[in-house]
């Protein structure tokens, strides 16, 4: 596998270098290795993992939830991954239902309903 440095990884993933570093500090992503100069090296595997994290966030998963999904994936626990995704889907559907109950309310009121629904 061809190695890439952090800037290339970030560019290919469509994120900032600071985001990659944050994910590293959070334990979501690890460089494959380091050069003698200290530069981080990444492969397509880390790029795919970064893509998964970003897609999970776009679907409404928190970084903690994305981390849990990655751990379950590493354990090959498909059933728990499916249950987690179904729970997130139910949460999103509940938010949508709460927002569509009052379509003529103000955006601030809809935000309040969405926040309350997210906590439950």
C-alpha atoms as a PDB file:
ATOM      1  CA  UNK A   1       0.000   0.000   0.000  1.00  0.00           C
ATOM      2  CA  UNK A   2       1.262   3.412  -0.898  1.00  0.00           C
ATOM      3  CA  UNK A   3       1.699   5.713   2.086  1.00  0.00           C
ATOM      4  CA  UNK A   4       0.563   9.322   2.173  1.00  0.00           C
ATOM      5  CA  UNK A   5       1.216  12.174   4.545  1.00  0.00           C
ATOM      6  CA  UNK A   6      -1.404  13.966   6.605  1.00  0.00           C
ATOM      7  CA  UNK A   7      -1.978  16.753   4.084  1.00  0.00           C
ATOM      8  CA  UNK A   8      -2.711  14.301   1.287  1.00  0.00           C
ATOM      9  CA  UNK A   9      -5.000  12.258   3.529  1.00  0.00           C
ATOM     10  CA  UNK A  10      -6.914  15.351   4.610  1.00  0.00           C
ATOM     11  CA  UNK A  11      -7.273  16.608   1.047  1.00  0.00           C
ATOM     12  CA  UNK A  12      -8.463  13.244  -0.283  1.00  0.00           C
ATOM     13  CA  UNK A  13     -10.969  12.929   2.582  1.00  0.00           C
ATOM     14  CA  UNK A  14     -12.205  16.491   2.157  1.00  0.00           C
ATOM     15  CA  UNK A  15     -11.300  17.555   5.702  1.00  0.00           C
ATOM     16  CA  UNK A  16      -8.791  19.867   7.313  1.00  0.00           C
ATOM     17  CA  UNK A  17      -5.497  18.650   8.746  1.00  0.00           C
ATOM     18  CA  UNK A  18      -6.698  19.807  12.169  1.00  0.00           C
ATOM     19  CA  UNK A  19      -9.648  17.431  11.847  1.00  0.00           C
ATOM     20  CA  UNK A  20      -7.328  14.486  11.216  1.00  0.00           C
ATOM     21  CA  UNK A  21      -5.234  15.455  14.233  1.00  0.00           C
ATOM     22  CA  UNK A  22      -8.365  15.808  16.376  1.00  0.00           C
ATOM     23  CA  UNK A  23      -9.521  12.334  15.345  1.00  0.00           C
ATOM     24  CA  UNK A  24      -6.085  11.024  16.279  1.00  0.00           C
ATOM     25  CA  UNK A  25      -6.231  12.642  19.718  1.00  0.00           C
ATOM     26  CA  UNK A  26      -9.747  11.215  20.154  1.00  0.00           C
ATOM     27  CA  UNK A  27      -8.542   7.708  19.335  1.00  0.00           C
ATOM     28  CA  UNK A  28     -10.657   7.430  16.177  1.00  0.00           C
ATOM     29  CA  UNK A  29      -7.725   7.337  13.773  1.00  0.00           C
ATOM     30  CA  UNK A  30      -4.099   6.257  13.996  1.00  0.00           C
ATOM     31  CA  UNK A  31      -1.330   6.889  11.517  1.00  0.00           C
ATOM     32  CA  UNK A  32       0.071   3.691  10.011  1.00  0.00           C
ATOM     33  CA  UNK A  33       3.496   4.818  11.104  1.00  0.00           C
ATOM     34  CA  UNK A  34       5.943   7.686  11.154  1.00  0.00           C
ATOM     35  CA  UNK A  35       8.974   8.514   9.093  1.00  0.00           C
ATOM     36  CA  UNK A  36      12.315   9.148  10.770  1.00  0.00           C
ATOM     37  CA  UNK A  37      11.533  12.847  10.330  1.00  0.00           C
ATOM     38  CA  UNK A  38       8.379  12.424  12.436  1.00  0.00           C
ATOM     39  CA  UNK A  39       5.906  12.846   9.577  1.00  0.00           C
ATOM     40  CA  UNK A  40       2.801  10.707   9.950  1.00  0.00           C
ATOM     41  CA  UNK A  41       2.107   8.102   7.280  1.00  0.00           C
ATOM     42  CA  UNK A  42      -1.353   6.902   6.280  1.00  0.00           C
ATOM     43  CA  UNK A  43      -2.683   4.336   3.833  1.00  0.00           C
ATOM     44  CA  UNK A  44      -5.952   3.753   2.010  1.00  0.00           C
ATOM     45  CA  UNK A  45      -7.197   1.957   5.143  1.00  0.00           C
ATOM     46  CA  UNK A  46      -6.980   5.134   7.210  1.00  0.00           C
ATOM     47  CA  UNK A  47      -8.598   7.058   4.356  1.00  0.00           C
ATOM     48  CA  UNK A  48     -11.514   4.596   4.353  1.00  0.00           C
ATOM     49  CA  UNK A  49     -11.820   4.850   8.135  1.00  0.00           C
ATOM     50  CA  UNK A  50     -11.851   8.640   7.909  1.00  0.00           C
ATOM     51  CA  UNK A  51     -14.538   8.417   5.229  1.00  0.00           C
ATOM     52  CA  UNK A  52     -16.608   6.157   7.476  1.00  0.00           C
ATOM     53  CA  UNK A  53     -16.341   8.609  10.364  1.00  0.00           C
ATOM     54  CA  UNK A  54     -17.444  11.505   8.149  1.00  0.00           C
ATOM     55  CA  UNK A  55     -20.386   9.538   6.701  1.00  0.00           C
ATOM     56  CA  UNK A  56     -21.469   8.490  10.190  1.00  0.00           C
ATOM     57  CA  UNK A  57     -21.430  12.127  11.292  1.00  0.00           C
ATOM     58  CA  UNK A  58     -23.426  13.159   8.220  1.00  0.00           C
ATOM     59  CA  UNK A  59     -26.036  10.560   9.195  1.00  0.00           C
ATOM     60  CA  UNK A  60     -26.333  12.046  12.680  1.00  0.00           C
ATOM     61  CA  UNK A  61     -23.995   9.808  14.657  1.00  0.00           C
ATOM     62  CA  UNK A  62     -21.818  11.534  17.238  1.00  0.00           C
ATOM     63  CA  UNK A  63     -18.072  10.907  17.210  1.00  0.00           C
ATOM     64  CA  UNK A  64     -18.537   8.681  20.260  1.00  0.00           C
ATOM     65  CA  UNK A  65     -21.199   6.663  18.430  1.00  0.00           C
ATOM     66  CA  UNK A  66     -18.972   6.436  15.340  1.00  0.00           C
ATOM     67  CA  UNK A  67     -16.177   5.156  17.564  1.00  0.00           C
ATOM     68  CA  UNK A  68     -18.534   2.522  18.980  1.00  0.00           C
ATOM     69  CA  UNK A  69     -19.547   1.467  15.459  1.00  0.00           C
ATOM     70  CA  UNK A  70     -15.902   1.139  14.439  1.00  0.00           C
ATOM     71  CA  UNK A  71     -15.218  -1.003  17.508  1.00  0.00           C
ATOM     72  CA  UNK A  72     -18.211  -3.214  16.731  1.00  0.00           C
ATOM     73  CA  UNK A  73     -17.089  -3.472  13.131  1.00  0.00           C
ATOM     74  CA  UNK A  74     -13.633  -4.591  14.245  1.00  0.00           C
ATOM     75  CA  UNK A  75     -15.325  -7.274  16.349  1.00  0.00           C
ATOM     76  CA  UNK A  76     -17.422  -8.247  13.330  1.00  0.00           C
ATOM     77  CA  UNK A  77     -20.579  -7.849  15.445  1.00  0.00           C
ATOM     78  CA  UNK A  78     -22.983  -7.113  12.603  1.00  0.00           C
ATOM     79  CA  UNK A  79     -26.055  -7.572  14.782  1.00  0.00           C
ATOM     80  CA  UNK A  80     -25.005  -4.860  17.230  1.00  0.00           C
ATOM     81  CA  UNK A  81     -24.038  -2.536  14.381  1.00  0.00           C
ATOM     82  CA  UNK A  82     -27.479  -3.061  12.843  1.00  0.00           C
ATOM     83  CA  UNK A  83     -29.240  -2.428  16.180  1.00  0.00           C
ATOM     84  CA  UNK A  84     -27.236   0.746  16.707  1.00  0.00           C
ATOM     85  CA  UNK A  85     -28.103   1.997  13.212  1.00  0.00           C
ATOM     86  CA  UNK A  86     -31.783   1.126  13.749  1.00  0.00           C
ATOM     87  CA  UNK A  87     -31.812   3.028  17.055  1.00  0.00           C
ATOM     88  CA  UNK A  88     -30.314   6.072  15.316  1.00  0.00           C
ATOM     89  CA  UNK A  89     -32.901   5.788  12.538  1.00  0.00           C
ATOM     90  CA  UNK A  90     -35.706   5.677  15.118  1.00  0.00           C
ATOM     91  CA  UNK A  91     -34.245   8.771  16.796  1.00  0.00           C
ATOM     92  CA  UNK A  92     -34.094  10.663  13.491  1.00  0.00           C
ATOM     93  CA  UNK A  93     -37.650   9.604  12.617  1.00  0.00           C
ATOM     94  CA  UNK A  94     -38.855  10.837  16.026  1.00  0.00           C
ATOM     95  CA  UNK A  95     -37.196  14.189  15.413  1.00  0.00           C
ATOM     96  CA  UNK A  96     -38.798  14.464  11.992  1.00  0.00           C
ATOM     97  CA  UNK A  97     -42.203  13.594  13.449  1.00  0.00           C
ATOM     98  CA  UNK A  98     -41.784  16.200  16.188  1.00  0.00           C
ATOM     99  CA  UNK A  99     -40.859  18.835  13.641  1.00  0.00           C
ATOM    100  CA  UNK A 100     -43.702  18.038  11.257  1.00  0.00           C
ATOM    101  CA  UNK A 101     -46.327  18.234  14.019  1.00  0.00           C
ATOM    102  CA  UNK A 102     -45.903  21.983  14.097  1.00  0.00           C
ATOM    103  CA  UNK A 103     -44.915  23.075  10.573  1.00  0.00           C
ATOM    104  CA  UNK A 104     -46.108  26.662  11.103  1.00  0.00           C
ATOM    105  CA  UNK A 105     -44.197  27.251  14.302  1.00  0.00           C
ATOM    106  CA  UNK A 106     -41.137  29.457  14.413  1.00  0.00           C
ATOM    107  CA  UNK A 107     -37.692  28.059  13.631  1.00  0.00           C
ATOM    108  CA  UNK A 108     -36.707  28.674  17.276  1.00  0.00           C
ATOM    109  CA  UNK A 109     -39.651  26.585  18.498  1.00  0.00           C
ATOM    110  CA  UNK A 110     -38.765  23.793  16.063  1.00  0.00           C
ATOM    111  CA  UNK A 111     -35.155  23.880  17.297  1.00  0.00           C
ATOM    112  CA  UNK A 112     -36.358  23.576  20.883  1.00  0.00           C
ATOM    113  CA  UNK A 113     -38.520  20.567  19.998  1.00  0.00           C
ATOM    114  CA  UNK A 114     -35.613  18.972  18.107  1.00  0.00           C
ATOM    115  CA  UNK A 115     -33.256  19.468  21.082  1.00  0.00           C
ATOM    116  CA  UNK A 116     -35.764  17.998  23.534  1.00  0.00           C
ATOM    117  CA  UNK A 117     -36.378  15.048  21.216  1.00  0.00           C
ATOM    118  CA  UNK A 118     -32.634  14.477  20.851  1.00  0.00           C
ATOM    119  CA  UNK A 119     -32.209  14.180  24.624  1.00  0.00           C
ATOM    120  CA  UNK A 120     -34.879  11.515  24.961  1.00  0.00           C
END
